N, C-alpha and C. Protein backbone atom coordinates (compact mmCIF):
# COMPACT_ATOMS: atom_id res chain seq x y z
N MET A 1 -7.47 -11.90 -14.54
CA MET A 1 -6.80 -12.16 -12.87
C MET A 1 -5.06 -11.37 -13.51
N ILE A 2 -4.16 -11.08 -12.63
CA ILE A 2 -3.16 -10.91 -12.56
C ILE A 2 -2.53 -11.89 -13.44
N THR A 3 -1.26 -11.67 -14.10
CA THR A 3 -0.63 -13.05 -14.68
C THR A 3 1.07 -12.68 -15.00
N LYS A 4 1.65 -13.50 -15.09
CA LYS A 4 3.23 -13.03 -15.00
C LYS A 4 3.52 -11.76 -16.75
N THR A 5 2.78 -11.99 -17.19
CA THR A 5 2.56 -11.23 -18.57
C THR A 5 2.44 -9.20 -17.61
N TYR A 6 1.84 -9.60 -16.42
CA TYR A 6 2.15 -8.17 -15.41
C TYR A 6 3.40 -7.75 -15.71
N THR A 7 3.93 -8.92 -14.70
CA THR A 7 5.11 -8.59 -14.07
C THR A 7 6.40 -8.53 -15.36
N GLU A 8 6.13 -8.72 -16.58
CA GLU A 8 7.04 -8.56 -17.71
C GLU A 8 6.75 -7.35 -18.01
N PHE A 9 5.74 -7.06 -18.54
CA PHE A 9 5.70 -5.50 -18.69
C PHE A 9 6.05 -4.36 -17.98
N PHE A 10 5.97 -4.33 -16.60
CA PHE A 10 6.94 -3.63 -15.67
C PHE A 10 8.42 -4.02 -15.86
N LYS A 11 8.90 -5.15 -16.04
CA LYS A 11 9.94 -4.88 -15.89
C LYS A 11 10.84 -4.59 -17.04
N GLU A 12 10.37 -4.77 -18.06
CA GLU A 12 10.41 -4.16 -19.46
C GLU A 12 10.76 -2.55 -19.20
N LEU A 13 9.53 -2.03 -18.43
CA LEU A 13 9.38 -0.48 -18.82
C LEU A 13 10.61 0.08 -17.74
N ASN A 14 10.86 -0.60 -16.42
CA ASN A 14 11.69 -0.50 -15.90
C ASN A 14 13.09 -0.17 -16.35
N GLU A 15 13.42 -0.80 -17.58
CA GLU A 15 14.44 -1.07 -18.26
C GLU A 15 14.47 -0.07 -19.60
N ASN A 16 13.25 0.90 -19.89
CA ASN A 16 13.15 1.68 -21.17
C ASN A 16 12.01 2.69 -20.76
N ASN A 17 11.94 3.13 -19.67
CA ASN A 17 11.06 4.10 -19.16
C ASN A 17 10.98 5.70 -20.14
N ASN A 18 10.58 5.45 -21.51
CA ASN A 18 10.46 6.42 -22.10
C ASN A 18 9.39 6.94 -23.02
N LYS A 19 8.61 7.70 -23.56
CA LYS A 19 7.54 7.38 -24.28
C LYS A 19 7.44 6.94 -25.34
N GLU A 20 8.70 6.89 -25.97
CA GLU A 20 8.67 5.78 -27.39
C GLU A 20 8.52 4.41 -27.12
N TRP A 21 9.11 3.56 -26.10
CA TRP A 21 8.91 2.50 -25.89
C TRP A 21 7.47 2.23 -25.16
N PHE A 22 7.28 2.87 -24.40
CA PHE A 22 5.64 3.06 -23.75
C PHE A 22 4.40 3.03 -25.33
N HIS A 23 4.67 4.04 -25.82
CA HIS A 23 3.77 4.09 -26.89
C HIS A 23 3.60 2.84 -27.73
N ALA A 24 5.11 2.32 -28.32
CA ALA A 24 5.00 1.28 -28.84
C ALA A 24 4.43 -0.21 -28.49
N ASN A 25 4.20 -0.08 -27.40
CA ASN A 25 3.93 -1.07 -25.88
C ASN A 25 2.93 -1.01 -25.71
N LYS A 26 1.77 -0.05 -26.01
CA LYS A 26 0.57 0.82 -25.36
C LYS A 26 -0.39 -0.43 -25.52
N LYS A 27 -0.65 -1.31 -26.32
CA LYS A 27 -1.39 -2.30 -26.30
C LYS A 27 -1.06 -3.69 -25.17
N ARG A 28 0.14 -3.52 -24.75
CA ARG A 28 0.53 -4.35 -23.94
C ARG A 28 -0.29 -4.01 -22.56
N TYR A 29 0.08 -2.85 -22.56
CA TYR A 29 -0.22 -1.99 -21.11
C TYR A 29 -1.49 -2.26 -20.80
N GLU A 30 -2.46 -2.05 -22.15
CA GLU A 30 -3.91 -1.80 -21.68
C GLU A 30 -4.15 -3.57 -21.51
N ASN A 31 -3.68 -4.00 -22.43
CA ASN A 31 -4.26 -5.63 -22.21
C ASN A 31 -3.88 -6.45 -20.76
N ASP A 32 -2.20 -6.30 -20.99
CA ASP A 32 -1.65 -7.45 -19.71
C ASP A 32 -1.72 -6.73 -18.15
N VAL A 33 -1.78 -5.18 -18.23
CA VAL A 33 -1.44 -4.66 -17.23
C VAL A 33 -3.04 -3.91 -16.46
N LYS A 34 -3.61 -2.87 -17.41
CA LYS A 34 -4.51 -2.12 -17.07
C LYS A 34 -5.87 -2.53 -17.22
N GLU A 35 -6.09 -3.61 -17.81
CA GLU A 35 -7.31 -4.35 -17.68
C GLU A 35 -7.80 -5.22 -16.38
N PRO A 36 -6.59 -6.07 -16.33
CA PRO A 36 -6.65 -6.95 -15.16
C PRO A 36 -6.82 -6.47 -13.83
N PHE A 37 -5.65 -5.09 -13.59
CA PHE A 37 -5.70 -4.48 -12.61
C PHE A 37 -7.09 -3.59 -12.35
N LEU A 38 -7.81 -2.94 -13.22
CA LEU A 38 -9.24 -2.77 -13.46
C LEU A 38 -10.12 -3.71 -13.03
N GLU A 39 -9.94 -4.72 -13.65
CA GLU A 39 -11.20 -5.99 -13.24
C GLU A 39 -10.83 -6.27 -11.91
N LEU A 40 -9.51 -6.35 -10.98
CA LEU A 40 -9.58 -6.92 -9.77
C LEU A 40 -10.30 -5.84 -9.15
N LEU A 41 -10.35 -4.22 -8.85
CA LEU A 41 -10.86 -3.29 -8.79
C LEU A 41 -12.11 -3.34 -8.79
N SER A 42 -12.49 -3.75 -9.86
CA SER A 42 -14.06 -3.78 -9.73
C SER A 42 -14.89 -4.81 -8.64
N GLU A 43 -13.66 -6.42 -8.64
CA GLU A 43 -14.01 -6.99 -7.67
C GLU A 43 -13.97 -6.61 -6.22
N LEU A 44 -13.26 -5.75 -5.76
CA LEU A 44 -12.87 -5.33 -4.35
C LEU A 44 -13.90 -4.11 -4.17
N LEU A 45 -14.23 -3.37 -4.99
CA LEU A 45 -14.97 -1.88 -4.76
C LEU A 45 -16.22 -2.35 -4.34
N PRO A 46 -17.25 -2.95 -4.37
CA PRO A 46 -18.59 -3.33 -4.14
C PRO A 46 -18.24 -4.06 -2.33
N ILE A 47 -17.16 -4.35 -2.01
CA ILE A 47 -17.20 -5.12 -0.55
C ILE A 47 -16.99 -3.69 0.21
N LEU A 48 -15.96 -2.92 -0.49
CA LEU A 48 -15.55 -1.68 0.18
C LEU A 48 -17.08 -0.29 0.41
N HIS A 49 -17.75 -0.55 -0.66
CA HIS A 49 -18.63 0.20 -0.77
C HIS A 49 -19.79 -0.23 0.15
N GLU A 50 -19.66 -1.56 0.74
CA GLU A 50 -20.64 -1.78 1.99
C GLU A 50 -19.88 -1.60 2.92
N TRP A 51 -18.81 -1.37 3.07
CA TRP A 51 -18.33 -0.89 4.80
C TRP A 51 -18.23 0.28 4.77
N ASP A 52 -18.50 1.16 3.79
CA ASP A 52 -18.76 2.80 3.79
C ASP A 52 -19.10 3.10 2.42
N ASN A 53 -20.25 3.54 2.34
CA ASN A 53 -21.04 3.96 1.07
C ASN A 53 -20.76 5.13 0.27
N ARG A 54 -19.58 6.15 1.11
CA ARG A 54 -19.13 7.26 0.47
C ARG A 54 -18.10 6.65 -0.52
N ILE A 55 -17.49 5.44 -0.17
CA ILE A 55 -16.78 5.29 -1.58
C ILE A 55 -17.59 4.53 -2.77
N LEU A 56 -16.61 5.86 -4.02
CA LEU A 56 -17.39 5.13 -5.15
C LEU A 56 -17.13 4.03 -5.82
N THR A 57 -18.12 3.17 -6.63
CA THR A 57 -18.08 2.03 -7.33
C THR A 57 -17.34 2.22 -8.50
N ASP A 58 -17.04 3.33 -8.77
CA ASP A 58 -16.34 3.14 -10.67
C ASP A 58 -15.29 3.08 -10.23
N GLU A 59 -14.26 1.67 -10.72
CA GLU A 59 -13.02 1.24 -10.77
C GLU A 59 -11.87 2.41 -11.55
N LYS A 60 -12.54 2.92 -12.40
CA LYS A 60 -11.73 3.81 -13.46
C LYS A 60 -11.39 5.16 -12.51
N LYS A 61 -12.46 5.58 -11.64
CA LYS A 61 -11.95 6.76 -10.97
C LYS A 61 -11.19 6.18 -9.66
N ALA A 62 -11.09 5.33 -9.34
CA ALA A 62 -10.17 4.97 -7.80
C ALA A 62 -8.42 4.90 -8.53
N LEU A 63 -8.41 4.38 -10.20
CA LEU A 63 -7.39 4.42 -10.54
C LEU A 63 -6.05 5.38 -10.88
N PHE A 64 -5.06 5.57 -10.20
CA PHE A 64 -4.43 6.51 -10.51
C PHE A 64 -3.68 6.65 -11.81
N ARG A 65 -3.35 7.78 -12.39
CA ARG A 65 -2.58 7.88 -13.75
C ARG A 65 -1.55 7.08 -13.38
N ILE A 66 -0.62 6.43 -14.71
CA ILE A 66 0.48 5.80 -14.84
C ILE A 66 1.46 6.65 -15.18
N ASN A 67 0.96 7.93 -15.88
CA ASN A 67 1.95 8.90 -15.87
C ASN A 67 2.61 9.91 -14.95
N ARG A 68 3.93 9.93 -15.01
CA ARG A 68 4.26 10.63 -13.63
C ARG A 68 4.31 12.38 -13.68
N ASP A 69 4.23 13.00 -12.65
CA ASP A 69 4.01 14.38 -12.68
C ASP A 69 5.61 14.93 -12.53
N VAL A 70 6.37 15.15 -13.63
CA VAL A 70 7.74 15.42 -13.33
C VAL A 70 8.15 17.06 -13.49
N ARG A 71 7.16 17.56 -12.97
CA ARG A 71 7.24 19.30 -12.98
C ARG A 71 8.20 19.18 -12.10
N PHE A 72 8.51 19.03 -10.70
CA PHE A 72 8.80 19.52 -9.76
C PHE A 72 9.81 18.43 -9.13
N SER A 73 10.04 17.72 -10.07
CA SER A 73 11.21 16.17 -9.79
C SER A 73 12.11 16.43 -10.46
N LYS A 74 13.32 15.63 -9.64
CA LYS A 74 14.64 15.53 -10.55
C LYS A 74 14.57 14.04 -11.42
N ASP A 75 14.01 13.57 -10.80
CA ASP A 75 13.78 12.12 -11.79
C ASP A 75 12.56 12.70 -13.05
N LYS A 76 12.79 12.57 -14.16
CA LYS A 76 12.38 12.83 -15.03
C LYS A 76 11.69 11.76 -16.20
N THR A 77 11.63 10.42 -15.45
CA THR A 77 11.08 9.73 -16.27
C THR A 77 9.71 9.19 -16.09
N PRO A 78 9.37 9.41 -17.51
CA PRO A 78 7.80 9.87 -17.60
C PRO A 78 6.71 8.78 -16.84
N TYR A 79 7.03 7.42 -16.91
CA TYR A 79 5.79 6.34 -15.99
C TYR A 79 6.38 5.74 -14.48
N HIS A 80 5.27 5.88 -13.93
CA HIS A 80 5.23 4.89 -12.75
C HIS A 80 5.24 3.42 -13.04
N THR A 81 6.27 2.50 -12.37
CA THR A 81 6.45 1.27 -12.35
C THR A 81 5.63 0.38 -11.90
N ILE A 82 4.50 1.23 -11.43
CA ILE A 82 3.44 0.20 -10.39
C ILE A 82 2.19 0.81 -10.77
N LEU A 83 1.11 0.18 -10.74
CA LEU A 83 -0.25 0.73 -11.06
C LEU A 83 -0.91 0.82 -9.86
N LYS A 84 -1.36 2.17 -9.17
CA LYS A 84 -2.11 2.07 -7.75
C LYS A 84 -3.73 3.02 -7.99
N ALA A 85 -4.19 2.66 -6.78
CA ALA A 85 -5.59 2.61 -6.91
C ALA A 85 -5.68 3.34 -5.08
N GLY A 86 -6.75 3.93 -5.45
CA GLY A 86 -7.11 4.49 -3.82
C GLY A 86 -8.64 4.87 -3.61
N PHE A 87 -9.11 4.43 -2.61
CA PHE A 87 -10.59 4.17 -2.13
C PHE A 87 -10.80 4.89 -0.99
N SER A 88 -11.31 5.75 -1.06
CA SER A 88 -11.56 7.17 -0.05
C SER A 88 -13.06 7.23 -0.28
N PRO A 89 -13.65 7.74 0.98
CA PRO A 89 -14.82 8.47 1.10
C PRO A 89 -14.74 9.50 -0.27
N ASN A 90 -15.44 9.58 -1.09
CA ASN A 90 -15.73 11.40 -2.07
C ASN A 90 -14.15 11.10 -3.08
N GLY A 91 -13.77 9.85 -3.11
CA GLY A 91 -12.44 10.32 -3.97
C GLY A 91 -11.32 9.70 -3.59
N LYS A 92 -10.14 9.30 -4.70
CA LYS A 92 -8.98 8.72 -4.24
C LYS A 92 -8.52 9.65 -3.87
N LYS A 93 -8.37 10.86 -3.78
CA LYS A 93 -7.28 11.99 -3.47
C LYS A 93 -8.25 13.09 -2.51
N SER A 94 -8.96 11.96 -1.41
CA SER A 94 -9.83 12.90 -0.56
C SER A 94 -8.74 13.02 0.87
N MET A 95 -9.10 13.74 1.63
CA MET A 95 -8.47 14.00 2.78
C MET A 95 -8.55 12.46 4.03
N LEU A 96 -9.76 12.18 3.69
CA LEU A 96 -10.35 11.37 4.79
C LEU A 96 -9.67 9.78 4.46
N PRO A 97 -9.96 8.95 5.69
CA PRO A 97 -9.16 7.71 6.11
C PRO A 97 -9.68 7.18 4.76
N GLY A 98 -8.91 6.04 4.08
CA GLY A 98 -9.23 5.31 3.11
C GLY A 98 -8.37 3.86 3.24
N TYR A 99 -8.63 3.19 1.69
CA TYR A 99 -7.29 1.99 1.30
C TYR A 99 -6.70 2.66 0.32
N TYR A 100 -5.92 1.70 0.13
CA TYR A 100 -4.77 1.99 -1.09
C TYR A 100 -4.27 0.67 -1.61
N LEU A 101 -4.01 0.42 -2.70
CA LEU A 101 -3.43 -0.98 -3.69
C LEU A 101 -2.49 -0.37 -4.47
N GLY A 102 -1.58 -0.82 -4.79
CA GLY A 102 -0.36 -0.53 -5.65
C GLY A 102 0.10 -2.34 -5.95
N ILE A 103 0.21 -2.38 -7.39
CA ILE A 103 1.06 -3.76 -7.54
C ILE A 103 1.92 -3.28 -8.75
N SER A 104 3.14 -3.62 -8.37
CA SER A 104 4.45 -3.29 -9.14
C SER A 104 4.74 -4.70 -9.84
N GLN A 105 6.19 -4.62 -10.68
CA GLN A 105 6.21 -6.24 -11.13
C GLN A 105 6.60 -7.23 -10.20
N ASP A 106 7.03 -6.81 -8.48
CA ASP A 106 6.83 -8.33 -8.10
C ASP A 106 6.04 -8.06 -6.79
N SER A 107 6.05 -7.06 -6.08
CA SER A 107 5.04 -7.16 -5.33
C SER A 107 3.48 -6.33 -5.14
N VAL A 108 2.70 -6.61 -3.97
CA VAL A 108 1.45 -6.07 -3.89
C VAL A 108 1.70 -5.44 -2.79
N HIS A 109 1.28 -4.20 -2.54
CA HIS A 109 1.19 -3.26 -1.81
C HIS A 109 -0.37 -2.88 -1.17
N VAL A 110 -0.65 -3.42 -0.07
CA VAL A 110 -2.06 -3.29 0.80
C VAL A 110 -1.93 -2.36 1.84
N GLY A 111 -2.37 -0.94 1.85
CA GLY A 111 -2.57 -0.67 3.03
C GLY A 111 -3.86 0.54 3.18
N GLY A 112 -3.69 1.02 3.87
CA GLY A 112 -4.73 1.90 4.44
C GLY A 112 -4.92 2.96 5.66
N GLY A 113 -5.77 4.00 5.96
CA GLY A 113 -5.64 4.66 6.88
C GLY A 113 -5.28 6.35 6.34
N LEU A 114 -4.86 7.46 6.94
CA LEU A 114 -4.83 8.84 6.75
C LEU A 114 -3.26 8.81 6.22
N PHE A 115 -3.55 9.38 4.45
CA PHE A 115 -1.81 9.68 4.19
C PHE A 115 -2.05 11.15 3.90
N ASN A 116 -3.17 11.73 3.76
CA ASN A 116 -3.29 13.29 3.31
C ASN A 116 -3.56 13.71 4.56
N VAL A 117 -3.05 14.55 5.20
CA VAL A 117 -3.43 15.18 6.43
C VAL A 117 -2.79 16.64 6.53
N LYS A 118 -3.38 17.80 6.50
CA LYS A 118 -3.45 19.12 6.50
C LYS A 118 -3.15 19.31 7.94
N PRO A 119 -2.54 20.51 8.20
CA PRO A 119 -2.49 20.65 10.37
C PRO A 119 -3.59 21.14 10.78
N PRO A 120 -5.14 21.62 10.10
CA PRO A 120 -6.22 21.92 10.53
C PRO A 120 -6.63 20.81 10.98
N GLU A 121 -6.39 19.73 10.03
CA GLU A 121 -6.86 18.13 10.12
C GLU A 121 -6.37 17.03 11.42
N LEU A 122 -5.07 17.70 11.22
CA LEU A 122 -4.09 16.98 12.10
C LEU A 122 -4.51 17.08 13.47
N LYS A 123 -4.68 18.19 13.57
CA LYS A 123 -5.17 18.68 15.36
C LYS A 123 -6.45 18.46 15.52
N VAL A 124 -7.31 17.99 14.76
CA VAL A 124 -8.72 17.55 14.97
C VAL A 124 -8.35 16.10 15.06
N VAL A 125 -7.65 15.44 14.43
CA VAL A 125 -7.19 14.04 14.72
C VAL A 125 -6.60 13.42 15.97
N ARG A 126 -5.11 14.51 16.02
CA ARG A 126 -4.41 14.49 17.31
C ARG A 126 -5.88 14.35 18.70
N ASN A 127 -6.91 15.07 18.41
CA ASN A 127 -7.41 15.81 19.54
C ASN A 127 -8.41 14.30 19.98
N HIS A 128 -8.86 13.78 18.57
CA HIS A 128 -10.05 12.80 18.34
C HIS A 128 -9.12 11.22 19.62
N ILE A 129 -7.86 11.11 19.10
CA ILE A 129 -6.98 10.07 19.53
C ILE A 129 -6.57 10.52 20.91
N ALA A 130 -6.12 11.43 21.72
CA ALA A 130 -6.45 11.87 22.87
C ALA A 130 -7.09 11.48 23.49
N ASN A 131 -8.71 12.00 22.96
CA ASN A 131 -10.21 11.84 24.04
C ASN A 131 -10.33 10.40 24.28
N SER A 132 -9.90 9.86 22.86
CA SER A 132 -9.91 8.01 22.54
C SER A 132 -8.84 7.03 22.69
N ILE A 133 -8.10 7.55 23.80
CA ILE A 133 -6.49 6.78 23.62
C ILE A 133 -6.80 5.30 23.68
N ASN A 134 -7.57 4.59 24.89
CA ASN A 134 -7.53 3.51 24.93
C ASN A 134 -8.39 2.78 23.58
N ASP A 135 -9.35 3.44 23.19
CA ASP A 135 -9.71 3.11 21.86
C ASP A 135 -8.62 3.04 20.44
N PHE A 136 -7.90 3.70 20.37
CA PHE A 136 -7.12 3.82 19.21
C PHE A 136 -5.58 2.73 19.67
N LEU A 137 -5.40 2.42 21.02
CA LEU A 137 -4.58 1.75 21.40
C LEU A 137 -4.90 0.10 21.06
N THR A 138 -6.31 -0.33 21.28
CA THR A 138 -6.86 -1.29 21.31
C THR A 138 -6.79 -1.66 20.06
N ILE A 139 -7.26 -0.84 18.80
CA ILE A 139 -7.29 -1.30 17.68
C ILE A 139 -5.94 -1.53 17.06
N THR A 140 -5.00 -0.24 17.39
CA THR A 140 -3.42 -0.52 16.97
C THR A 140 -2.81 -1.59 17.30
N LYS A 141 -2.94 -2.19 18.49
CA LYS A 141 -2.57 -3.16 19.40
C LYS A 141 -3.27 -4.97 18.58
N ALA A 142 -4.26 -4.61 18.04
CA ALA A 142 -5.10 -5.92 17.85
C ALA A 142 -4.29 -6.74 17.10
N LYS A 143 -4.36 -8.30 17.32
CA LYS A 143 -3.46 -8.98 16.71
C LYS A 143 -3.59 -9.33 15.20
N GLU A 144 -5.27 -9.14 14.94
CA GLU A 144 -5.80 -8.86 13.50
C GLU A 144 -4.90 -7.88 12.43
N PHE A 145 -4.55 -6.83 13.46
CA PHE A 145 -3.94 -5.64 12.79
C PHE A 145 -2.45 -5.64 12.66
N SER A 146 -1.91 -5.96 13.70
CA SER A 146 -0.34 -6.42 13.87
C SER A 146 0.24 -7.63 12.54
N GLY A 147 -1.11 -8.58 13.07
CA GLY A 147 -0.04 -9.64 12.01
C GLY A 147 -0.44 -9.44 10.69
N ARG A 148 -1.37 -8.49 10.10
CA ARG A 148 -1.80 -8.28 8.76
C ARG A 148 -0.78 -7.59 8.13
N VAL A 149 -0.94 -6.30 8.95
CA VAL A 149 -0.18 -5.14 8.66
C VAL A 149 0.97 -4.60 9.53
N GLY A 150 1.29 -5.05 10.38
CA GLY A 150 1.89 -4.67 11.06
C GLY A 150 2.14 -3.31 11.97
N ARG A 151 2.90 -2.30 12.08
CA ARG A 151 2.46 -1.02 13.23
C ARG A 151 2.43 0.01 12.02
N LEU A 152 1.40 0.78 12.98
CA LEU A 152 1.23 2.12 12.09
C LEU A 152 2.30 2.85 11.88
N LYS A 153 2.32 3.15 10.65
CA LYS A 153 3.44 4.40 10.16
C LYS A 153 3.16 5.74 10.05
N GLY A 154 4.10 6.66 9.59
CA GLY A 154 3.73 7.91 9.09
C GLY A 154 4.77 8.97 9.25
N ASP A 155 4.73 10.04 8.67
CA ASP A 155 6.01 10.91 9.00
C ASP A 155 5.65 11.46 10.32
N VAL A 156 6.78 12.10 11.19
CA VAL A 156 6.63 12.27 12.48
C VAL A 156 6.91 13.80 12.63
N SER A 157 6.09 14.70 13.71
CA SER A 157 6.57 15.92 14.08
C SER A 157 7.74 16.01 14.68
N LYS A 158 8.07 16.97 15.00
CA LYS A 158 9.51 17.17 16.27
C LYS A 158 8.79 17.46 17.47
N ARG A 159 7.69 18.37 17.30
CA ARG A 159 6.81 19.26 18.33
C ARG A 159 5.80 18.63 18.33
N ILE A 160 4.76 18.70 19.34
CA ILE A 160 3.32 18.49 18.99
C ILE A 160 2.65 19.69 20.67
N ASP A 161 1.46 19.94 20.32
CA ASP A 161 0.91 20.91 21.27
C ASP A 161 1.39 20.39 22.44
N LYS A 162 0.99 21.41 23.52
CA LYS A 162 1.44 20.95 24.98
C LYS A 162 0.09 20.15 25.46
N ALA A 163 -1.21 20.18 24.83
CA ALA A 163 -2.29 19.53 24.94
C ALA A 163 -1.92 17.98 24.75
N HIS A 164 -1.27 17.62 24.12
CA HIS A 164 -1.16 16.43 23.76
C HIS A 164 0.28 15.72 24.48
N GLU A 165 1.10 16.29 25.24
CA GLU A 165 2.08 15.82 25.39
C GLU A 165 1.76 14.50 26.27
N ALA A 166 1.03 14.61 27.11
CA ALA A 166 0.40 13.52 28.27
C ALA A 166 0.14 12.55 27.39
N VAL A 167 -0.18 12.50 26.38
CA VAL A 167 -0.62 11.40 25.61
C VAL A 167 0.64 10.34 25.17
N ALA A 168 1.86 11.46 25.05
CA ALA A 168 2.77 10.63 24.63
C ALA A 168 3.30 9.75 25.33
N ASN A 169 2.77 9.54 26.59
CA ASN A 169 3.47 8.65 27.71
C ASN A 169 2.76 7.66 27.45
N LYS A 170 1.58 7.66 26.72
CA LYS A 170 0.86 6.71 26.28
C LYS A 170 1.28 5.92 25.27
N THR A 171 1.72 6.63 23.97
CA THR A 171 2.11 6.38 23.00
C THR A 171 2.50 7.38 21.97
N GLN A 172 3.67 6.88 21.60
CA GLN A 172 4.54 8.34 20.48
C GLN A 172 3.99 8.61 19.38
N LEU A 173 2.86 7.62 18.97
CA LEU A 173 1.72 7.68 17.26
C LEU A 173 1.45 8.99 18.03
N ILE A 174 1.04 9.70 19.14
CA ILE A 174 0.62 11.11 18.82
C ILE A 174 1.53 11.91 18.05
N TYR A 175 2.85 11.81 17.81
CA TYR A 175 3.87 12.62 17.19
C TYR A 175 3.33 12.52 15.58
N ASN A 176 2.92 11.20 15.14
CA ASN A 176 2.64 10.96 13.58
C ASN A 176 1.51 12.10 13.14
N LYS A 177 2.22 12.60 11.84
CA LYS A 177 1.41 13.79 10.93
C LYS A 177 0.44 12.70 9.80
N GLN A 178 1.02 11.47 9.84
CA GLN A 178 0.25 10.53 8.87
C GLN A 178 0.04 9.15 9.98
N PHE A 179 -1.39 8.54 9.57
CA PHE A 179 -1.65 7.52 10.58
C PHE A 179 -2.04 6.47 9.37
N TYR A 180 -1.62 5.34 8.89
CA TYR A 180 -1.54 4.49 8.05
C TYR A 180 -0.91 3.38 7.71
N ALA A 181 -1.11 2.08 7.49
CA ALA A 181 -0.42 1.12 7.40
C ALA A 181 -0.19 0.36 6.28
N MET A 182 0.88 0.10 6.32
CA MET A 182 1.05 -0.65 4.84
C MET A 182 1.67 -2.13 4.53
N SER A 183 1.08 -3.37 3.66
CA SER A 183 2.13 -4.32 4.03
C SER A 183 2.21 -4.82 2.48
N ASN A 184 3.26 -5.25 2.18
CA ASN A 184 4.26 -5.90 0.93
C ASN A 184 3.69 -6.95 0.64
N LEU A 185 3.10 -7.92 -0.47
CA LEU A 185 2.98 -9.27 -0.47
C LEU A 185 3.97 -9.43 -1.78
N SER A 186 4.00 -10.96 -2.27
CA SER A 186 4.78 -11.22 -3.12
C SER A 186 3.78 -11.67 -4.08
N LEU A 187 3.79 -10.79 -5.45
CA LEU A 187 2.58 -10.83 -6.35
C LEU A 187 2.97 -12.42 -7.06
N ALA A 188 4.33 -12.99 -7.09
CA ALA A 188 4.67 -14.45 -7.76
C ALA A 188 3.95 -15.31 -7.00
N ASN A 189 3.38 -15.12 -5.56
CA ASN A 189 2.18 -15.69 -5.21
C ASN A 189 0.92 -15.95 -5.79
N TYR A 190 0.80 -14.90 -6.64
CA TYR A 190 -0.70 -14.59 -6.87
C TYR A 190 -1.41 -15.15 -8.26
N TYR A 191 -0.11 -15.02 -9.01
CA TYR A 191 -0.67 -15.15 -10.44
C TYR A 191 -1.66 -16.23 -10.64
N ASN A 192 -2.77 -15.79 -11.41
CA ASN A 192 -3.66 -16.45 -11.65
C ASN A 192 -4.54 -17.10 -10.49
N SER A 193 -4.48 -16.56 -9.57
CA SER A 193 -4.79 -17.21 -8.42
C SER A 193 -6.56 -15.88 -7.89
N PRO A 194 -7.19 -16.20 -7.66
CA PRO A 194 -8.47 -15.89 -6.70
C PRO A 194 -8.23 -15.41 -5.39
N ASN A 195 -7.23 -16.05 -4.99
CA ASN A 195 -6.70 -15.57 -3.58
C ASN A 195 -6.28 -14.34 -3.41
N LEU A 196 -5.84 -13.48 -4.50
CA LEU A 196 -5.15 -12.30 -4.17
C LEU A 196 -6.10 -11.11 -3.71
N LYS A 197 -7.53 -11.77 -4.63
CA LYS A 197 -8.61 -10.63 -4.16
C LYS A 197 -8.85 -11.06 -2.46
N GLU A 198 -8.88 -12.02 -2.39
CA GLU A 198 -9.02 -12.44 -1.03
C GLU A 198 -8.25 -11.96 0.05
N ASP A 199 -7.06 -11.89 -0.07
CA ASP A 199 -5.89 -11.59 0.89
C ASP A 199 -6.23 -9.96 0.73
N ILE A 200 -6.35 -9.43 -0.19
CA ILE A 200 -6.22 -7.79 -0.12
C ILE A 200 -7.19 -7.59 0.66
N ILE A 201 -8.75 -8.54 0.57
CA ILE A 201 -9.52 -7.75 1.18
C ILE A 201 -9.27 -8.13 2.89
N LYS A 202 -8.61 -9.22 2.97
CA LYS A 202 -8.44 -9.68 4.72
C LYS A 202 -7.47 -8.44 5.29
N HIS A 203 -6.69 -8.00 4.05
CA HIS A 203 -5.94 -6.92 4.76
C HIS A 203 -6.97 -5.54 5.23
N PHE A 204 -7.40 -5.18 3.78
CA PHE A 204 -8.27 -4.05 4.17
C PHE A 204 -9.15 -4.31 5.28
N ASN A 205 -9.61 -5.69 5.73
CA ASN A 205 -10.98 -5.64 6.92
C ASN A 205 -9.74 -5.53 8.01
N ALA A 206 -8.60 -5.72 8.27
CA ALA A 206 -7.54 -5.43 9.66
C ALA A 206 -7.46 -4.05 9.51
N ILE A 207 -7.39 -3.19 8.45
CA ILE A 207 -7.33 -1.73 8.93
C ILE A 207 -8.20 -0.76 8.48
N ARG A 208 -9.63 -1.67 8.50
CA ARG A 208 -11.19 -1.32 8.46
C ARG A 208 -11.10 -0.63 10.15
N PRO A 209 -10.96 -1.33 11.12
CA PRO A 209 -11.18 -0.40 12.55
C PRO A 209 -10.35 0.86 12.54
N LEU A 210 -9.86 0.92 12.05
CA LEU A 210 -8.99 2.00 12.10
C LEU A 210 -9.43 3.52 11.10
N ASN A 211 -9.72 2.47 10.42
CA ASN A 211 -10.33 3.85 9.46
C ASN A 211 -11.97 4.09 9.86
N GLU A 212 -12.64 3.34 10.66
CA GLU A 212 -13.41 3.83 11.29
C GLU A 212 -13.47 4.62 12.28
N PHE A 213 -12.41 4.53 13.18
CA PHE A 213 -12.06 5.37 14.10
C PHE A 213 -11.69 6.77 13.81
N LEU A 214 -10.92 7.05 12.93
CA LEU A 214 -10.25 8.09 12.12
C LEU A 214 -11.21 8.77 11.50
N ASN A 215 -12.38 8.06 10.84
CA ASN A 215 -13.51 8.84 10.20
C ASN A 215 -14.25 9.58 11.10
N ALA A 216 -14.28 8.70 12.53
CA ALA A 216 -15.18 9.64 13.63
C ALA A 216 -14.71 11.03 14.09
N ALA A 217 -13.20 11.28 13.60
CA ALA A 217 -12.49 12.44 14.08
C ALA A 217 -13.27 13.48 12.92
N PHE A 218 -13.86 13.32 12.00
CA PHE A 218 -14.59 14.11 11.30
C PHE A 218 -15.96 14.48 11.42
């Protein structure tokens, strides 16, 4: 289970984000952070696999590296101050709709949908939304969806194809370049608690109809 030692590690990493400190505290990272995070993933993945058997059940393959890619970034700090995992058909970096979990020193980020959408796939998704607009709006306006994860998010295009302009009269979401939802929960409420897994699943379940709808586009 996630404990206060998880938070303590990331608080200190925030203040000492360098290789020397991290290597000196590697055992703390492995025991207090990575191990309980992977344990949580191992509890979540069988449920997600039941929903979509293309989602891999290996928790280590769902985990993103804590090392940052600093090659093209002005921020050269070497480590993320959050552990992240992605659960999508065919792997965490898949372009297909999936689920996301990130836990920082004080927050649990729970979300899902379409994050990585390239232009050819974006056109396919927008066509699908345009052809099934009532279903799309029913999903995004459902009480369970809005109550758990709020509104649909994503970067927005300035222009869209003329074929999609009529849909904009029903929803401006057709301008989105991403289609995802995200909720932030206070980690302090979940130390040593099985409720963390249960509440994550509840949030994932609220996003599930959106993912099933978006998957139908492909």
